[in-house]
């Protein structure tokens, strides 16, 4: 199960957080062919995050812990969808949006009921 962890200086309402999480989950399912996703949204004070070359405005970073094997095109499409949504909906400057993917073997990702296997593209 992928773990998508957002750190941001945005102040979002509960409704905005829920809408954003739903969009992220839908886009992940669409672009990465999996809908079993864990998402965290963490509000950070501006002094808690730093980005070289940032411009004035909020910051939003995504640390995406995913199963290895997905093609670059899948990851890029998902990252762009999330960043474009944040830029449009929350007015985060494009230069202040970052995504990093960390890939894991399937057996490194587990829940109490199962251990992940090799990604097979389905």
PDB file of N, CA and C in Angstrom:
ATOM      1  N   UNK A   1       0.849  -1.180   0.000  1.00  0.00           N
ATOM      2  CA  UNK A   1       0.000   0.000   0.000  1.00  0.00           C
ATOM      3  C   UNK A   1       0.890   1.238   0.000  1.00  0.00           C
ATOM      4  N   UNK A   2       0.725   2.105  -0.957  1.00  0.00           N
ATOM      5  CA  UNK A   2       1.514   3.332  -0.982  1.00  0.00           C
ATOM      6  C   UNK A   2       1.163   4.240   0.192  1.00  0.00           C
ATOM      7  N   UNK A   3       2.152   4.980   0.641  1.00  0.00           N
ATOM      8  CA  UNK A   3       1.967   5.981   1.687  1.00  0.00           C
ATOM      9  C   UNK A   3       2.360   7.322   1.089  1.00  0.00           C
ATOM     10  N   UNK A   4       1.390   8.210   0.967  1.00  0.00           N
ATOM     11  CA  UNK A   4       1.603   9.528   0.365  1.00  0.00           C
ATOM     12  C   UNK A   4       1.558  10.559   1.492  1.00  0.00           C
ATOM     13  N   UNK A   5       2.712  11.154   1.789  1.00  0.00           N
ATOM     14  CA  UNK A   5       2.853  12.052   2.932  1.00  0.00           C
ATOM     15  C   UNK A   5       3.078  13.479   2.455  1.00  0.00           C
ATOM     16  N   UNK A   6       2.143  14.337   2.791  1.00  0.00           N
ATOM     17  CA  UNK A   6       2.227  15.739   2.403  1.00  0.00           C
ATOM     18  C   UNK A   6       2.653  16.581   3.598  1.00  0.00           C
ATOM     19  N   UNK A   7       3.614  17.460   3.365  1.00  0.00           N
ATOM     20  CA  UNK A   7       3.988  18.499   4.325  1.00  0.00           C
ATOM     21  C   UNK A   7       3.735  19.816   3.636  1.00  0.00           C
ATOM     22  N   UNK A   8       3.049  20.721   4.346  1.00  0.00           N
ATOM     23  CA  UNK A   8       2.658  21.980   3.713  1.00  0.00           C
ATOM     24  C   UNK A   8       2.560  23.100   4.728  1.00  0.00           C
ATOM     25  N   UNK A   9       2.733  24.308   4.242  1.00  0.00           N
ATOM     26  CA  UNK A   9       2.500  25.490   5.071  1.00  0.00           C
ATOM     27  C   UNK A   9       1.082  26.018   4.879  1.00  0.00           C
ATOM     28  N   UNK A  10       0.296  25.348   4.041  1.00  0.00           N
ATOM     29  CA  UNK A  10      -1.101  25.742   3.828  1.00  0.00           C
ATOM     30  C   UNK A  10      -1.924  25.526   5.095  1.00  0.00           C
ATOM     31  N   UNK A  11      -2.864  26.407   5.335  1.00  0.00           N
ATOM     32  CA  UNK A  11      -3.857  26.209   6.392  1.00  0.00           C
ATOM     33  C   UNK A  11      -5.143  25.782   5.699  1.00  0.00           C
ATOM     34  N   UNK A  12      -5.443  24.496   5.768  1.00  0.00           N
ATOM     35  CA  UNK A  12      -6.610  23.950   5.089  1.00  0.00           C
ATOM     36  C   UNK A  12      -7.693  23.582   6.093  1.00  0.00           C
ATOM     37  N   UNK A  13      -8.923  23.808   5.696  1.00  0.00           N
ATOM     38  CA  UNK A  13     -10.053  23.373   6.520  1.00  0.00           C
ATOM     39  C   UNK A  13     -10.167  21.851   6.434  1.00  0.00           C
ATOM     40  N   UNK A  14     -10.936  21.269   7.339  1.00  0.00           N
ATOM     41  CA  UNK A  14     -11.165  19.821   7.289  1.00  0.00           C
ATOM     42  C   UNK A  14     -11.775  19.415   5.954  1.00  0.00           C
ATOM     43  N   UNK A  15     -12.696  20.213   5.456  1.00  0.00           N
ATOM     44  CA  UNK A  15     -13.335  19.910   4.175  1.00  0.00           C
ATOM     45  C   UNK A  15     -12.321  19.973   3.027  1.00  0.00           C
ATOM     46  N   UNK A  16     -11.441  20.970   3.051  1.00  0.00           N
ATOM     47  CA  UNK A  16     -10.408  21.072   2.013  1.00  0.00           C
ATOM     48  C   UNK A  16      -9.443  19.888   2.084  1.00  0.00           C
ATOM     49  N   UNK A  17      -9.097  19.473   3.291  1.00  0.00           N
ATOM     50  CA  UNK A  17      -8.218  18.311   3.456  1.00  0.00           C
ATOM     51  C   UNK A  17      -8.882  17.061   2.898  1.00  0.00           C
ATOM     52  N   UNK A  18     -10.136  16.863   3.223  1.00  0.00           N
ATOM     53  CA  UNK A  18     -10.855  15.683   2.744  1.00  0.00           C
ATOM     54  C   UNK A  18     -10.967  15.697   1.218  1.00  0.00           C
ATOM     55  N   UNK A  19     -11.305  16.845   0.646  1.00  0.00           N
ATOM     56  CA  UNK A  19     -11.416  16.954  -0.811  1.00  0.00           C
ATOM     57  C   UNK A  19     -10.068  16.698  -1.477  1.00  0.00           C
ATOM     58  N   UNK A  20      -9.010  17.253  -0.906  1.00  0.00           N
ATOM     59  CA  UNK A  20      -7.674  17.052  -1.452  1.00  0.00           C
ATOM     60  C   UNK A  20      -7.278  15.579  -1.371  1.00  0.00           C
ATOM     61  N   UNK A  21      -7.507  14.946  -0.231  1.00  0.00           N
ATOM     62  CA  UNK A  21      -7.174  13.525  -0.075  1.00  0.00           C
ATOM     63  C   UNK A  21      -7.952  12.672  -1.079  1.00  0.00           C
ATOM     64  N   UNK A  22      -9.211  12.985  -1.293  1.00  0.00           N
ATOM     65  CA  UNK A  22     -10.009  12.223  -2.261  1.00  0.00           C
ATOM     66  C   UNK A  22      -9.468  12.407  -3.678  1.00  0.00           C
ATOM     67  N   UNK A  23      -9.114  13.636  -4.025  1.00  0.00           N
ATOM     68  CA  UNK A  23      -8.533  13.881  -5.347  1.00  0.00           C
ATOM     69  C   UNK A  23      -7.230  13.109  -5.502  1.00  0.00           C
ATOM     70  N   UNK A  24      -6.374  13.147  -4.501  1.00  0.00           N
ATOM     71  CA  UNK A  24      -5.096  12.438  -4.552  1.00  0.00           C
ATOM     72  C   UNK A  24      -5.335  10.942  -4.728  1.00  0.00           C
ATOM     73  N   UNK A  25      -6.264  10.395  -3.961  1.00  0.00           N
ATOM     74  CA  UNK A  25      -6.559   8.972  -4.062  1.00  0.00           C
ATOM     75  C   UNK A  25      -7.084   8.620  -5.455  1.00  0.00           C
ATOM     76  N   UNK A  26      -7.989   9.425  -5.978  1.00  0.00           N
ATOM     77  CA  UNK A  26      -8.541   9.175  -7.314  1.00  0.00           C
ATOM     78  C   UNK A  26      -7.460   9.259  -8.385  1.00  0.00           C
ATOM     79  N   UNK A  27      -6.616  10.264  -8.297  1.00  0.00           N
ATOM     80  CA  UNK A  27      -5.558  10.419  -9.302  1.00  0.00           C
ATOM     81  C   UNK A  27      -4.519   9.306  -9.184  1.00  0.00           C
ATOM     82  N   UNK A  28      -4.232   8.882  -7.951  1.00  0.00           N
ATOM     83  CA  UNK A  28      -3.299   7.769  -7.790  1.00  0.00           C
ATOM     84  C   UNK A  28      -3.881   6.512  -8.427  1.00  0.00           C
ATOM     85  N   UNK A  29      -5.140   6.243  -8.172  1.00  0.00           N
ATOM     86  CA  UNK A  29      -5.789   5.064  -8.755  1.00  0.00           C
ATOM     87  C   UNK A  29      -5.777   5.144 -10.279  1.00  0.00           C
ATOM     88  N   UNK A  30      -6.042   6.328 -10.807  1.00  0.00           N
ATOM     89  CA  UNK A  30      -6.093   6.514 -12.259  1.00  0.00           C
ATOM     90  C   UNK A  30      -4.717   6.385 -12.906  1.00  0.00           C
ATOM     91  N   UNK A  31      -3.727   7.044 -12.339  1.00  0.00           N
ATOM     92  CA  UNK A  31      -2.404   7.093 -12.959  1.00  0.00           C
ATOM     93  C   UNK A  31      -1.516   5.912 -12.583  1.00  0.00           C
ATOM     94  N   UNK A  32      -1.697   5.374 -11.373  1.00  0.00           N
ATOM     95  CA  UNK A  32      -0.790   4.341 -10.877  1.00  0.00           C
ATOM     96  C   UNK A  32      -1.461   2.974 -10.755  1.00  0.00           C
ATOM     97  N   UNK A  33      -2.708   2.873 -11.142  1.00  0.00           N
ATOM     98  CA  UNK A  33      -3.482   1.635 -11.189  1.00  0.00           C
ATOM     99  C   UNK A  33      -3.608   0.928  -9.840  1.00  0.00           C
ATOM    100  N   UNK A  34      -3.777   1.699  -8.782  1.00  0.00           N
ATOM    101  CA  UNK A  34      -3.999   1.119  -7.462  1.00  0.00           C
ATOM    102  C   UNK A  34      -4.835   2.096  -6.656  1.00  0.00           C
ATOM    103  N   UNK A  35      -5.835   1.577  -5.924  1.00  0.00           N
ATOM    104  CA  UNK A  35      -6.690   2.478  -5.158  1.00  0.00           C
ATOM    105  C   UNK A  35      -6.606   2.253  -3.658  1.00  0.00           C
ATOM    106  N   UNK A  36      -5.722   1.398  -3.204  1.00  0.00           N
ATOM    107  CA  UNK A  36      -5.514   1.173  -1.773  1.00  0.00           C
ATOM    108  C   UNK A  36      -4.358   2.073  -1.352  1.00  0.00           C
ATOM    109  N   UNK A  37      -4.682   3.262  -0.838  1.00  0.00           N
ATOM    110  CA  UNK A  37      -3.692   4.306  -0.619  1.00  0.00           C
ATOM    111  C   UNK A  37      -3.835   4.881   0.783  1.00  0.00           C
ATOM    112  N   UNK A  38      -2.713   5.136   1.452  1.00  0.00           N
ATOM    113  CA  UNK A  38      -2.702   5.849   2.732  1.00  0.00           C
ATOM    114  C   UNK A  38      -2.166   7.256   2.480  1.00  0.00           C
ATOM    115  N   UNK A  39      -2.816   8.249   3.077  1.00  0.00           N
ATOM    116  CA  UNK A  39      -2.444   9.651   2.854  1.00  0.00           C
ATOM    117  C   UNK A  39      -2.339  10.362   4.188  1.00  0.00           C
ATOM    118  N   UNK A  40      -1.280  11.134   4.372  1.00  0.00           N
ATOM    119  CA  UNK A  40      -1.170  12.009   5.532  1.00  0.00           C
ATOM    120  C   UNK A  40      -1.025  13.440   5.036  1.00  0.00           C
ATOM    121  N   UNK A  41      -1.630  14.371   5.771  1.00  0.00           N
ATOM    122  CA  UNK A  41      -1.529  15.806   5.478  1.00  0.00           C
ATOM    123  C   UNK A  41      -1.037  16.486   6.756  1.00  0.00           C
ATOM    124  N   UNK A  42       0.166  17.034   6.699  1.00  0.00           N
ATOM    125  CA  UNK A  42       0.743  17.653   7.885  1.00  0.00           C
ATOM    126  C   UNK A  42       0.959  19.138   7.655  1.00  0.00           C
ATOM    127  N   UNK A  43       0.351  19.944   8.501  1.00  0.00           N
ATOM    128  CA  UNK A  43       0.527  21.399   8.463  1.00  0.00           C
ATOM    129  C   UNK A  43       1.814  21.729   9.186  1.00  0.00           C
ATOM    130  N   UNK A  44       2.657  22.497   8.538  1.00  0.00           N
ATOM    131  CA  UNK A  44       3.935  22.918   9.118  1.00  0.00           C
ATOM    132  C   UNK A  44       3.973  24.440   9.204  1.00  0.00           C
ATOM    133  N   UNK A  45       4.601  24.944  10.238  1.00  0.00           N
ATOM    134  CA  UNK A  45       4.863  26.378  10.320  1.00  0.00           C
ATOM    135  C   UNK A  45       5.897  26.734   9.261  1.00  0.00           C
ATOM    136  N   UNK A  46       5.872  27.963   8.799  1.00  0.00           N
ATOM    137  CA  UNK A  46       6.792  28.355   7.732  1.00  0.00           C
ATOM    138  C   UNK A  46       8.254  28.190   8.149  1.00  0.00           C
ATOM    139  N   UNK A  47       8.545  28.302   9.436  1.00  0.00           N
ATOM    140  CA  UNK A  47       9.919  28.126   9.910  1.00  0.00           C
ATOM    141  C   UNK A  47      10.334  26.655   9.947  1.00  0.00           C
ATOM    142  N   UNK A  48       9.372  25.731   9.776  1.00  0.00           N
ATOM    143  CA  UNK A  48       9.661  24.297   9.842  1.00  0.00           C
ATOM    144  C   UNK A  48      10.088  23.701   8.505  1.00  0.00           C
ATOM    145  N   UNK A  49       9.891  24.430   7.417  1.00  0.00           N
ATOM    146  CA  UNK A  49      10.242  23.914   6.096  1.00  0.00           C
ATOM    147  C   UNK A  49      11.035  24.972   5.339  1.00  0.00           C
ATOM    148  N   UNK A  50      11.887  24.504   4.470  1.00  0.00           N
ATOM    149  CA  UNK A  50      12.699  25.401   3.667  1.00  0.00           C
ATOM    150  C   UNK A  50      12.839  24.808   2.279  1.00  0.00           C
ATOM    151  N   UNK A  51      12.819  25.667   1.298  1.00  0.00           N
ATOM    152  CA  UNK A  51      13.037  25.248  -0.080  1.00  0.00           C
ATOM    153  C   UNK A  51      13.889  26.298  -0.769  1.00  0.00           C
ATOM    154  N   UNK A  52      15.064  25.909  -1.207  1.00  0.00           N
ATOM    155  CA  UNK A  52      15.898  26.818  -1.986  1.00  0.00           C
ATOM    156  C   UNK A  52      15.159  27.227  -3.251  1.00  0.00           C
ATOM    157  N   UNK A  53      15.264  28.455  -3.620  1.00  0.00           N
ATOM    158  CA  UNK A  53      14.619  29.024  -4.808  1.00  0.00           C
ATOM    159  C   UNK A  53      13.100  29.138  -4.687  1.00  0.00           C
ATOM    160  N   UNK A  54      12.569  29.005  -3.488  1.00  0.00           N
ATOM    161  CA  UNK A  54      11.127  29.202  -3.304  1.00  0.00           C
ATOM    162  C   UNK A  54      10.790  30.672  -3.511  1.00  0.00           C
ATOM    163  N   UNK A  55       9.547  30.909  -3.904  1.00  0.00           N
ATOM    164  CA  UNK A  55       9.027  32.270  -4.012  1.00  0.00           C
ATOM    165  C   UNK A  55       8.033  32.473  -2.875  1.00  0.00           C
ATOM    166  N   UNK A  56       7.605  33.720  -2.703  1.00  0.00           N
ATOM    167  CA  UNK A  56       6.622  33.987  -1.650  1.00  0.00           C
ATOM    168  C   UNK A  56       5.364  33.174  -1.902  1.00  0.00           C
ATOM    169  N   UNK A  57       4.844  32.583  -0.854  1.00  0.00           N
ATOM    170  CA  UNK A  57       3.636  31.782  -0.956  1.00  0.00           C
ATOM    171  C   UNK A  57       3.801  30.474  -0.205  1.00  0.00           C
ATOM    172  N   UNK A  58       2.743  29.711  -0.144  1.00  0.00           N
ATOM    173  CA  UNK A  58       2.804  28.441   0.586  1.00  0.00           C
ATOM    174  C   UNK A  58       3.699  27.420  -0.115  1.00  0.00           C
ATOM    175  N   UNK A  59       4.150  26.455   0.666  1.00  0.00           N
ATOM    176  CA  UNK A  59       4.945  25.331   0.165  1.00  0.00           C
ATOM    177  C   UNK A  59       4.121  24.061   0.303  1.00  0.00           C
ATOM    178  N   UNK A  60       4.327  23.113  -0.611  1.00  0.00           N
ATOM    179  CA  UNK A  60       3.677  21.815  -0.502  1.00  0.00           C
ATOM    180  C   UNK A  60       4.623  20.758  -1.063  1.00  0.00           C
ATOM    181  N   UNK A  61       4.984  19.806  -0.215  1.00  0.00           N
ATOM    182  CA  UNK A  61       5.889  18.723  -0.599  1.00  0.00           C
ATOM    183  C   UNK A  61       5.154  17.403  -0.453  1.00  0.00           C
ATOM    184  N   UNK A  62       5.374  16.503  -1.382  1.00  0.00           N
ATOM    185  CA  UNK A  62       4.828  15.149  -1.320  1.00  0.00           C
ATOM    186  C   UNK A  62       5.972  14.150  -1.303  1.00  0.00           C
ATOM    187  N   UNK A  63       6.011  13.339  -0.250  1.00  0.00           N
ATOM    188  CA  UNK A  63       6.928  12.208  -0.160  1.00  0.00           C
ATOM    189  C   UNK A  63       6.090  10.971  -0.437  1.00  0.00           C
ATOM    190  N   UNK A  64       6.258  10.390  -1.608  1.00  0.00           N
ATOM    191  CA  UNK A  64       5.437   9.259  -2.051  1.00  0.00           C
ATOM    192  C   UNK A  64       6.217   7.965  -1.914  1.00  0.00           C
ATOM    193  N   UNK A  65       5.852   7.168  -0.937  1.00  0.00           N
ATOM    194  CA  UNK A  65       6.456   5.857  -0.700  1.00  0.00           C
ATOM    195  C   UNK A  65       5.623   4.850  -1.483  1.00  0.00           C
ATOM    196  N   UNK A  66       6.186   4.316  -2.569  1.00  0.00           N
ATOM    197  CA  UNK A  66       5.407   3.462  -3.468  1.00  0.00           C
ATOM    198  C   UNK A  66       6.136   2.147  -3.735  1.00  0.00           C
ATOM    199  N   UNK A  67       5.396   1.199  -4.272  1.00  0.00           N
ATOM    200  CA  UNK A  67       5.989  -0.075  -4.683  1.00  0.00           C
ATOM    201  C   UNK A  67       6.797   0.143  -5.959  1.00  0.00           C
ATOM    202  N   UNK A  68       7.957  -0.478  -6.037  1.00  0.00           N
ATOM    203  CA  UNK A  68       8.799  -0.317  -7.222  1.00  0.00           C
ATOM    204  C   UNK A  68       8.171  -0.975  -8.439  1.00  0.00           C
ATOM    205  N   UNK A  69       8.549  -0.474  -9.593  1.00  0.00           N
ATOM    206  CA  UNK A  69       8.139  -1.080 -10.838  1.00  0.00           C
ATOM    207  C   UNK A  69       7.265  -0.229 -11.728  1.00  0.00           C
ATOM    208  N   UNK A  70       6.716   0.851 -11.197  1.00  0.00           N
ATOM    209  CA  UNK A  70       5.859   1.671 -12.049  1.00  0.00           C
ATOM    210  C   UNK A  70       6.711   2.501 -13.010  1.00  0.00           C
ATOM    211  N   UNK A  71       6.259   2.609 -14.238  1.00  0.00           N
ATOM    212  CA  UNK A  71       7.019   3.376 -15.226  1.00  0.00           C
ATOM    213  C   UNK A  71       7.091   4.868 -14.864  1.00  0.00           C
ATOM    214  N   UNK A  72       8.144   5.506 -15.335  1.00  0.00           N
ATOM    215  CA  UNK A  72       8.326   6.938 -15.122  1.00  0.00           C
ATOM    216  C   UNK A  72       7.078   7.717 -15.536  1.00  0.00           C
ATOM    217  N   UNK A  73       6.473   7.351 -16.665  1.00  0.00           N
ATOM    218  CA  UNK A  73       5.318   8.085 -17.181  1.00  0.00           C
ATOM    219  C   UNK A  73       4.155   8.071 -16.192  1.00  0.00           C
ATOM    220  N   UNK A  74       3.941   6.968 -15.489  1.00  0.00           N
ATOM    221  CA  UNK A  74       2.872   6.876 -14.481  1.00  0.00           C
ATOM    222  C   UNK A  74       3.162   7.844 -13.333  1.00  0.00           C
ATOM    223  N   UNK A  75       4.414   7.792 -12.865  1.00  0.00           N
ATOM    224  CA  UNK A  75       4.793   8.650 -11.728  1.00  0.00           C
ATOM    225  C   UNK A  75       4.703  10.119 -12.115  1.00  0.00           C
ATOM    226  N   UNK A  76       5.177  10.452 -13.299  1.00  0.00           N
ATOM    227  CA  UNK A  76       5.150  11.848 -13.734  1.00  0.00           C
ATOM    228  C   UNK A  76       3.719  12.353 -13.879  1.00  0.00           C
ATOM    229  N   UNK A  77       2.845  11.540 -14.463  1.00  0.00           N
ATOM    230  CA  UNK A  77       1.443  11.946 -14.633  1.00  0.00           C
ATOM    231  C   UNK A  77       0.777  12.168 -13.286  1.00  0.00           C
ATOM    232  N   UNK A  78       1.035  11.292 -12.321  1.00  0.00           N
ATOM    233  CA  UNK A  78       0.454  11.457 -10.989  1.00  0.00           C
ATOM    234  C   UNK A  78       1.007  12.716 -10.315  1.00  0.00           C
ATOM    235  N   UNK A  79       2.320  12.894 -10.349  1.00  0.00           N
ATOM    236  CA  UNK A  79       2.931  14.067  -9.721  1.00  0.00           C
ATOM    237  C   UNK A  79       2.383  15.360 -10.322  1.00  0.00           C
ATOM    238  N   UNK A  80       2.285  15.424 -11.646  1.00  0.00           N
ATOM    239  CA  UNK A  80       1.751  16.627 -12.289  1.00  0.00           C
ATOM    240  C   UNK A  80       0.304  16.879 -11.903  1.00  0.00           C
ATOM    241  N   UNK A  81      -0.506  15.832 -11.837  1.00  0.00           N
ATOM    242  CA  UNK A  81      -1.915  16.001 -11.469  1.00  0.00           C
ATOM    243  C   UNK A  81      -2.046  16.598 -10.068  1.00  0.00           C
ATOM    244  N   UNK A  82      -1.261  16.104  -9.123  1.00  0.00           N
ATOM    245  CA  UNK A  82      -1.319  16.613  -7.749  1.00  0.00           C
ATOM    246  C   UNK A  82      -0.813  18.054  -7.686  1.00  0.00           C
ATOM    247  N   UNK A  83       0.309  18.323  -8.341  1.00  0.00           N
ATOM    248  CA  UNK A  83       0.867  19.676  -8.291  1.00  0.00           C
ATOM    249  C   UNK A  83      -0.035  20.685  -8.990  1.00  0.00           C
ATOM    250  N   UNK A  84      -0.602  20.315 -10.120  1.00  0.00           N
ATOM    251  CA  UNK A  84      -1.507  21.232 -10.819  1.00  0.00           C
ATOM    252  C   UNK A  84      -2.741  21.534  -9.978  1.00  0.00           C
ATOM    253  N   UNK A  85      -3.279  20.535  -9.297  1.00  0.00           N
ATOM    254  CA  UNK A  85      -4.440  20.749  -8.432  1.00  0.00           C
ATOM    255  C   UNK A  85      -4.083  21.720  -7.299  1.00  0.00           C
ATOM    256  N   UNK A  86      -2.938  21.494  -6.647  1.00  0.00           N
ATOM    257  CA  UNK A  86      -2.526  22.367  -5.546  1.00  0.00           C
ATOM    258  C   UNK A  86      -2.281  23.796  -6.033  1.00  0.00           C
ATOM    259  N   UNK A  87      -1.699  23.927  -7.202  1.00  0.00           N
ATOM    260  CA  UNK A  87      -1.455  25.262  -7.761  1.00  0.00           C
ATOM    261  C   UNK A  87      -2.777  25.972  -8.053  1.00  0.00           C
ATOM    262  N   UNK A  88      -3.717  25.254  -8.636  1.00  0.00           N
ATOM    263  CA  UNK A  88      -4.997  25.853  -9.012  1.00  0.00           C
ATOM    264  C   UNK A  88      -5.919  26.104  -7.817  1.00  0.00           C
ATOM    265  N   UNK A  89      -6.077  25.115  -6.974  1.00  0.00           N
ATOM    266  CA  UNK A  89      -7.052  25.194  -5.875  1.00  0.00           C
ATOM    267  C   UNK A  89      -6.560  25.974  -4.668  1.00  0.00           C
ATOM    268  N   UNK A  90      -5.256  25.876  -4.369  1.00  0.00           N
ATOM    269  CA  UNK A  90      -4.720  26.473  -3.146  1.00  0.00           C
ATOM    270  C   UNK A  90      -3.740  27.599  -3.414  1.00  0.00           C
ATOM    271  N   UNK A  91      -3.549  27.942  -4.696  1.00  0.00           N
ATOM    272  CA  UNK A  91      -2.661  29.027  -5.095  1.00  0.00           C
ATOM    273  C   UNK A  91      -1.229  28.836  -4.582  1.00  0.00           C
ATOM    274  N   UNK A  92      -0.763  27.595  -4.642  1.00  0.00           N
ATOM    275  CA  UNK A  92       0.632  27.320  -4.319  1.00  0.00           C
ATOM    276  C   UNK A  92       1.450  27.609  -5.574  1.00  0.00           C
ATOM    277  N   UNK A  93       2.441  28.482  -5.475  1.00  0.00           N
ATOM    278  CA  UNK A  93       3.269  28.760  -6.654  1.00  0.00           C
ATOM    279  C   UNK A  93       3.921  27.470  -7.162  1.00  0.00           C
ATOM    280  N   UNK A  94       3.984  27.323  -8.453  1.00  0.00           N
ATOM    281  CA  UNK A  94       4.524  26.102  -9.044  1.00  0.00           C
ATOM    282  C   UNK A  94       5.927  25.783  -8.549  1.00  0.00           C
ATOM    283  N   UNK A  95       6.751  26.806  -8.354  1.00  0.00           N
ATOM    284  CA  UNK A  95       8.125  26.557  -7.884  1.00  0.00           C
ATOM    285  C   UNK A  95       8.153  26.056  -6.442  1.00  0.00           C
ATOM    286  N   UNK A  96       7.061  26.174  -5.727  1.00  0.00           N
ATOM    287  CA  UNK A  96       6.998  25.765  -4.317  1.00  0.00           C
ATOM    288  C   UNK A  96       6.371  24.381  -4.134  1.00  0.00           C
ATOM    289  N   UNK A  97       6.194  23.664  -5.223  1.00  0.00           N
ATOM    290  CA  UNK A  97       5.615  22.319  -5.202  1.00  0.00           C
ATOM    291  C   UNK A  97       6.696  21.305  -5.541  1.00  0.00           C
ATOM    292  N   UNK A  98       6.850  20.281  -4.708  1.00  0.00           N
ATOM    293  CA  UNK A  98       7.863  19.252  -4.964  1.00  0.00           C
ATOM    294  C   UNK A  98       7.286  17.875  -4.649  1.00  0.00           C
ATOM    295  N   UNK A  99       7.693  16.891  -5.443  1.00  0.00           N
ATOM    296  CA  UNK A  99       7.298  15.496  -5.250  1.00  0.00           C
ATOM    297  C   UNK A  99       8.547  14.635  -5.314  1.00  0.00           C
ATOM    298  N   UNK A 100       8.658  13.715  -4.378  1.00  0.00           N
ATOM    299  CA  UNK A 100       9.741  12.741  -4.424  1.00  0.00           C
ATOM    300  C   UNK A 100       9.138  11.353  -4.262  1.00  0.00           C
ATOM    301  N   UNK A 101       9.607  10.429  -5.081  1.00  0.00           N
ATOM    302  CA  UNK A 101       9.164   9.042  -5.010  1.00  0.00           C
ATOM    303  C   UNK A 101      10.274   8.197  -4.397  1.00  0.00           C
ATOM    304  N   UNK A 102       9.909   7.388  -3.439  1.00  0.00           N
ATOM    305  CA  UNK A 102      10.803   6.375  -2.885  1.00  0.00           C
ATOM    306  C   UNK A 102      10.140   5.042  -3.160  1.00  0.00           C
ATOM    307  N   UNK A 103      10.876   4.156  -3.815  1.00  0.00           N
ATOM    308  CA  UNK A 103      10.284   2.879  -4.221  1.00  0.00           C
ATOM    309  C   UNK A 103      10.759   1.739  -3.322  1.00  0.00           C
ATOM    310  N   UNK A 104       9.830   0.840  -3.043  1.00  0.00           N
ATOM    311  CA  UNK A 104      10.086  -0.301  -2.168  1.00  0.00           C
ATOM    312  C   UNK A 104       9.679  -1.594  -2.858  1.00  0.00           C
ATOM    313  N   UNK A 105      10.381  -2.688  -2.532  1.00  0.00           N
ATOM    314  CA  UNK A 105       9.931  -4.004  -2.985  1.00  0.00           C
ATOM    315  C   UNK A 105       8.577  -4.274  -2.339  1.00  0.00           C
ATOM    316  N   UNK A 106       7.743  -5.027  -3.037  1.00  0.00           N
ATOM    317  CA  UNK A 106       6.404  -5.321  -2.531  1.00  0.00           C
ATOM    318  C   UNK A 106       6.397  -5.901  -1.135  1.00  0.00           C
ATOM    319  N   UNK A 107       7.350  -6.781  -0.810  1.00  0.00           N
ATOM    320  CA  UNK A 107       7.343  -7.406   0.507  1.00  0.00           C
ATOM    321  C   UNK A 107       7.793  -6.469   1.622  1.00  0.00           C
ATOM    322  N   UNK A 108       8.163  -5.242   1.282  1.00  0.00           N
ATOM    323  CA  UNK A 108       8.486  -4.228   2.286  1.00  0.00           C
ATOM    324  C   UNK A 108       7.266  -3.396   2.652  1.00  0.00           C
ATOM    325  N   UNK A 109       6.148  -3.659   1.991  1.00  0.00           N
ATOM    326  CA  UNK A 109       4.914  -2.907   2.231  1.00  0.00           C
ATOM    327  C   UNK A 109       3.868  -3.907   2.721  1.00  0.00           C
ATOM    328  N   UNK A 110       3.360  -3.685   3.928  1.00  0.00           N
ATOM    329  CA  UNK A 110       2.447  -4.673   4.481  1.00  0.00           C
ATOM    330  C   UNK A 110       1.426  -4.074   5.411  1.00  0.00           C
ATOM    331  N   UNK A 111       0.320  -4.764   5.526  1.00  0.00           N
ATOM    332  CA  UNK A 111      -0.703  -4.482   6.510  1.00  0.00           C
ATOM    333  C   UNK A 111      -0.837  -5.713   7.382  1.00  0.00           C
ATOM    334  N   UNK A 112      -1.718  -5.664   8.338  1.00  0.00           N
ATOM    335  CA  UNK A 112      -1.890  -6.808   9.223  1.00  0.00           C
ATOM    336  C   UNK A 112      -2.455  -8.011   8.480  1.00  0.00           C
ATOM    337  N   UNK A 113      -3.197  -7.743   7.406  1.00  0.00           N
ATOM    338  CA  UNK A 113      -3.872  -8.818   6.677  1.00  0.00           C
ATOM    339  C   UNK A 113      -3.095  -9.358   5.479  1.00  0.00           C
ATOM    340  N   UNK A 114      -2.009  -8.675   5.067  1.00  0.00           N
ATOM    341  CA  UNK A 114      -1.282  -9.175   3.902  1.00  0.00           C
ATOM    342  C   UNK A 114       0.055  -8.469   3.740  1.00  0.00           C
ATOM    343  N   UNK A 115       0.900  -9.098   2.921  1.00  0.00           N
ATOM    344  CA  UNK A 115       2.182  -8.524   2.532  1.00  0.00           C
ATOM    345  C   UNK A 115       2.110  -8.297   1.035  1.00  0.00           C
ATOM    346  N   UNK A 116       2.557  -7.120   0.606  1.00  0.00           N
ATOM    347  CA  UNK A 116       2.503  -6.788  -0.815  1.00  0.00           C
ATOM    348  C   UNK A 116       3.392  -7.705  -1.644  1.00  0.00           C
ATOM    349  N   UNK A 117       3.026  -7.858  -2.875  1.00  0.00           N
ATOM    350  CA  UNK A 117       3.814  -8.658  -3.812  1.00  0.00           C
ATOM    351  C   UNK A 117       4.447  -7.763  -4.856  1.00  0.00           C
ATOM    352  N   UNK A 118       4.910  -8.380  -5.913  1.00  0.00           N
ATOM    353  CA  UNK A 118       5.511  -7.638  -7.024  1.00  0.00           C
ATOM    354  C   UNK A 118       4.415  -6.908  -7.779  1.00  0.00           C
ATOM    355  N   UNK A 119       4.712  -5.664  -8.168  1.00  0.00           N
ATOM    356  CA  UNK A 119       3.736  -4.913  -8.960  1.00  0.00           C
ATOM    357  C   UNK A 119       3.667  -5.535 -10.340  1.00  0.00           C
ATOM    358  N   UNK A 120       2.446  -5.815 -10.788  1.00  0.00           N
ATOM    359  CA  UNK A 120       2.294  -6.481 -12.084  1.00  0.00           C
ATOM    360  C   UNK A 120       1.584  -5.627 -13.115  1.00  0.00           C
ATOM    361  N   UNK A 121       1.380  -4.365 -12.813  1.00  0.00           N
ATOM    362  CA  UNK A 121       0.767  -3.459 -13.779  1.00  0.00           C
ATOM    363  C   UNK A 121      -0.732  -3.483 -13.820  1.00  0.00           C
ATOM    364  N   UNK A 122      -1.351  -4.253 -12.970  1.00  0.00           N
ATOM    365  CA  UNK A 122      -2.822  -4.345 -12.934  1.00  0.00           C
ATOM    366  C   UNK A 122      -3.370  -3.552 -11.783  1.00  0.00           C
TER     367      UNK A 122
END
